[in-house]
Amino acid sequence: MRVLACLGLSLSLIGALAACGQRADLKPGPGRQLPVAPYGREEPRSVEGLLQTPPQAAPERSIELRKRSEERADDPFDLPPQE
């Protein structure tokens, strides 16, 4: 039983170390190239440019947290249900 526990722990440790990955610059694989330049652009985007998320895909949150209890403003769209 202890042998199985030690084996499982060592395999999970090896898996965690393998998940660290390489921290080198990304390049297209052998025999591949970056996507063609979009219409209106003269040169294709770099690897770093392709990895950046556009602002529309991940907008910043603009939620202001309340610091203290405050009365809510009247909401004209908060209507009772129709009968």
C-alpha atoms as a PDB file:
ATOM      1  CA  MET A   1       0.000   0.000   0.000  1.00  0.00           C
ATOM      2  CA  ARG A   2       2.832   2.378   0.863  1.00  0.00           C
ATOM      3  CA  VAL A   3       4.583   1.491  -2.361  1.00  0.00           C
ATOM      4  CA  LEU A   4       1.515   2.516  -4.376  1.00  0.00           C
ATOM      5  CA  ALA A   5       1.242   5.779  -2.428  1.00  0.00           C
ATOM      6  CA  CYS A   6       4.925   6.595  -3.043  1.00  0.00           C
ATOM      7  CA  LEU A   7       4.594   5.683  -6.715  1.00  0.00           C
ATOM      8  CA  GLY A   8       1.509   7.873  -7.112  1.00  0.00           C
ATOM      9  CA  LEU A   9       3.232  10.798  -5.361  1.00  0.00           C
ATOM     10  CA  SER A  10       6.343  10.493  -7.509  1.00  0.00           C
ATOM     11  CA  LEU A  11       4.266  10.330 -10.715  1.00  0.00           C
ATOM     12  CA  SER A  12       2.301  13.435  -9.718  1.00  0.00           C
ATOM     13  CA  LEU A  13       5.569  15.253  -8.968  1.00  0.00           C
ATOM     14  CA  ILE A  14       6.970  14.276 -12.368  1.00  0.00           C
ATOM     15  CA  GLY A  15       3.744  15.463 -14.004  1.00  0.00           C
ATOM     16  CA  ALA A  16       3.939  18.802 -12.189  1.00  0.00           C
ATOM     17  CA  LEU A  17       7.540  19.308 -13.293  1.00  0.00           C
ATOM     18  CA  ALA A  18       6.677  18.428 -16.876  1.00  0.00           C
ATOM     19  CA  ALA A  19       3.896  21.043 -16.873  1.00  0.00           C
ATOM     20  CA  CYS A  20       6.356  23.872 -16.182  1.00  0.00           C
ATOM     21  CA  GLY A  21       7.110  24.252 -19.875  1.00  0.00           C
ATOM     22  CA  GLN A  22       9.785  26.137 -21.706  1.00  0.00           C
ATOM     23  CA  ARG A  23      10.150  29.891 -21.351  1.00  0.00           C
ATOM     24  CA  ALA A  24      11.681  30.631 -24.735  1.00  0.00           C
ATOM     25  CA  ASP A  25      10.370  32.720 -27.614  1.00  0.00           C
ATOM     26  CA  LEU A  26       7.633  31.085 -29.654  1.00  0.00           C
ATOM     27  CA  LYS A  27       8.315  30.251 -33.279  1.00  0.00           C
ATOM     28  CA  PRO A  28       6.235  28.564 -35.955  1.00  0.00           C
ATOM     29  CA  GLY A  29       6.769  24.825 -36.205  1.00  0.00           C
ATOM     30  CA  PRO A  30       9.044  23.312 -38.834  1.00  0.00           C
ATOM     31  CA  GLY A  31       7.559  23.669 -42.303  1.00  0.00           C
ATOM     32  CA  ARG A  32       4.988  26.210 -41.084  1.00  0.00           C
ATOM     33  CA  GLN A  33       4.814  29.980 -41.196  1.00  0.00           C
ATOM     34  CA  LEU A  34       2.827  32.771 -39.588  1.00  0.00           C
ATOM     35  CA  PRO A  35      -0.620  33.584 -41.022  1.00  0.00           C
ATOM     36  CA  VAL A  36      -0.702  35.905 -44.020  1.00  0.00           C
ATOM     37  CA  ALA A  37      -1.083  39.620 -43.431  1.00  0.00           C
ATOM     38  CA  PRO A  38      -4.697  40.809 -43.228  1.00  0.00           C
ATOM     39  CA  TYR A  39      -6.123  43.072 -45.911  1.00  0.00           C
ATOM     40  CA  GLY A  40      -4.678  46.581 -45.633  1.00  0.00           C
ATOM     41  CA  ARG A  41      -1.497  45.520 -43.831  1.00  0.00           C
ATOM     42  CA  GLU A  42       1.802  45.212 -45.617  1.00  0.00           C
ATOM     43  CA  GLU A  43       3.535  42.758 -43.306  1.00  0.00           C
ATOM     44  CA  PRO A  44       2.166  39.930 -41.151  1.00  0.00           C
ATOM     45  CA  ARG A  45       1.861  40.381 -37.410  1.00  0.00           C
ATOM     46  CA  SER A  46       4.596  39.012 -35.163  1.00  0.00           C
ATOM     47  CA  VAL A  47       4.110  36.129 -32.766  1.00  0.00           C
ATOM     48  CA  GLU A  48       3.802  38.551 -29.836  1.00  0.00           C
ATOM     49  CA  GLY A  49       1.213  40.597 -31.729  1.00  0.00           C
ATOM     50  CA  LEU A  50      -0.863  37.489 -32.452  1.00  0.00           C
ATOM     51  CA  LEU A  51      -0.802  36.461 -28.775  1.00  0.00           C
ATOM     52  CA  GLN A  52      -2.063  39.817 -27.446  1.00  0.00           C
ATOM     53  CA  THR A  53      -5.751  39.882 -26.585  1.00  0.00           C
ATOM     54  CA  PRO A  54      -7.650  42.751 -28.209  1.00  0.00           C
ATOM     55  CA  PRO A  55      -9.462  45.072 -25.752  1.00  0.00           C
ATOM     56  CA  GLN A  56     -12.866  44.029 -27.071  1.00  0.00           C
ATOM     57  CA  ALA A  57     -12.158  40.379 -26.219  1.00  0.00           C
ATOM     58  CA  ALA A  58     -11.228  41.115 -22.584  1.00  0.00           C
ATOM     59  CA  PRO A  59     -12.536  44.525 -21.518  1.00  0.00           C
ATOM     60  CA  GLU A  60     -11.447  46.037 -18.245  1.00  0.00           C
ATOM     61  CA  ARG A  61     -13.963  45.950 -15.456  1.00  0.00           C
ATOM     62  CA  SER A  62     -15.402  49.298 -14.495  1.00  0.00           C
ATOM     63  CA  ILE A  63     -17.299  48.241 -11.406  1.00  0.00           C
ATOM     64  CA  GLU A  64     -16.814  50.663  -8.579  1.00  0.00           C
ATOM     65  CA  LEU A  65     -16.975  48.942  -5.228  1.00  0.00           C
ATOM     66  CA  ARG A  66     -19.096  50.542  -2.547  1.00  0.00           C
ATOM     67  CA  LYS A  67     -17.100  51.647   0.451  1.00  0.00           C
ATOM     68  CA  ARG A  68     -20.122  52.261   2.682  1.00  0.00           C
ATOM     69  CA  SER A  69     -23.831  51.640   2.702  1.00  0.00           C
ATOM     70  CA  GLU A  70     -25.727  54.059   0.452  1.00  0.00           C
ATOM     71  CA  GLU A  71     -29.330  54.506  -0.660  1.00  0.00           C
ATOM     72  CA  ARG A  72     -29.970  53.228  -4.162  1.00  0.00           C
ATOM     73  CA  ALA A  73     -31.150  55.658  -6.789  1.00  0.00           C
ATOM     74  CA  ASP A  74     -34.665  55.189  -8.156  1.00  0.00           C
ATOM     75  CA  ASP A  75     -34.667  52.790 -11.112  1.00  0.00           C
ATOM     76  CA  PRO A  76     -37.326  53.709 -13.702  1.00  0.00           C
ATOM     77  CA  PHE A  77     -37.107  50.205 -15.223  1.00  0.00           C
ATOM     78  CA  ASP A  78     -37.820  48.399 -11.947  1.00  0.00           C
ATOM     79  CA  LEU A  79     -41.516  47.885 -12.631  1.00  0.00           C
ATOM     80  CA  PRO A  80     -43.942  45.553 -10.828  1.00  0.00           C
ATOM     81  CA  PRO A  81     -45.080  42.459 -12.750  1.00  0.00           C
ATOM     82  CA  GLN A  82     -48.147  42.842 -14.965  1.00  0.00           C
ATOM     83  CA  GLU A  83     -51.313  41.112 -13.866  1.00  0.00           C
END
